């Protein structure tokens, strides 16, 4: 009778190292099914060990269909090829979108036969965020230099032109001349406003942190646009959590965020429609609403959603909408600074902003800001 074949990787030392090493590891067979994984892998994909057993490896790490390329990578391992540092953006079962680096290689017996593939996953989301922050910082430095130069070189002569135009307008009685002078004054005002926004964007004032009632600011923003919305046949629909905790930040800047997004929503709707404004509490970034029972957790986030029924954002433009000066609006209708300012304010408040949009079906901006829980305020003696 032939001796039973044993798995050389089932010895106690290997299994102990495999499970205790803090790097997410996973073994999979030629069909892509998980043979085993360690605790770090289970924690990374936010699943219980019992939920992972015998799953397809790629289906275990994402809730969406993976690319053919990633499947080909796994197949290549059983042809003897190893792959290093393959980076993918994946949506986990928890709903969080994370950036991963995957390295995978074959594990062999002494005779060279491939027993299984080994996958090593690294979460590089924070690294990606730091890289993007560095790029954004460099952009801001360049923009600050540009804005300062414009304010000096263009601002002064424009003020001279504006003064002369206003003086001529007071003394002319010719309707055609007066009309031309009014156009000049309007355009100079527009250019002055643009330079002011550039300076404000490049040299944003420090955050004056206070307790902020998010719902109050949302209602204030809606009040500013209700008349204009009614004229276009657009209605605001609200669903605001009455028990929402306060946040800690600059109310003027947060209101500016809401106003920018509501203005964009109005501009995106070209026929009667609606703008939905929601607020609720989430347990942590990417999670769903939380119940009253768990509202005291430290990592709670206030989420605000401003959604319109407009035409949506083209897929090709979605990754550029927060870039300074990028706009899809016609010339003279937008500077491309609004969403860049929104992005900067949210990040400075320790929050995140993301956009969901389907062409022809509208756009939704999701903002998450750290909640300042009442229990923490009482503990710190602020109440």
Foldseek 3Di string as FASTA:
>chain_A
DDDDDDDPCPDPVNVVCQAPPLWWKFWAALVQFTPATHPNVCVVLVHDRVVRHRHRNVVSNAVDDDDPVVVVQQNVQQVFDWDFQDWDWGQGPQQDIFIKGKTKHFDADPVRHTGTMMITIDTCRVVVVVVVVVVVVVVLVVLQVVLVVCCPPPVVVLVVLLVVLVVVLVPDPDVVSNVVSVVSNVVSVVVVVVSVLSNCQSCPDDKPKDWADVVVLLVVLCVVCVVVCVVQQEEEAEAEDPPAFTAIIHSVLVSLLNNLLVVVQSVQANHHWYKYKYKAKAPAPRHDGDDPVPPPDQRIKIKIKIKHQGQWDDPVCQVPLLPFQDDPDDPPPDRSHSSVSSQVRLVSQVKHWHKDTDGNGIIMIMIIGGGDDPVNCVVVVVD
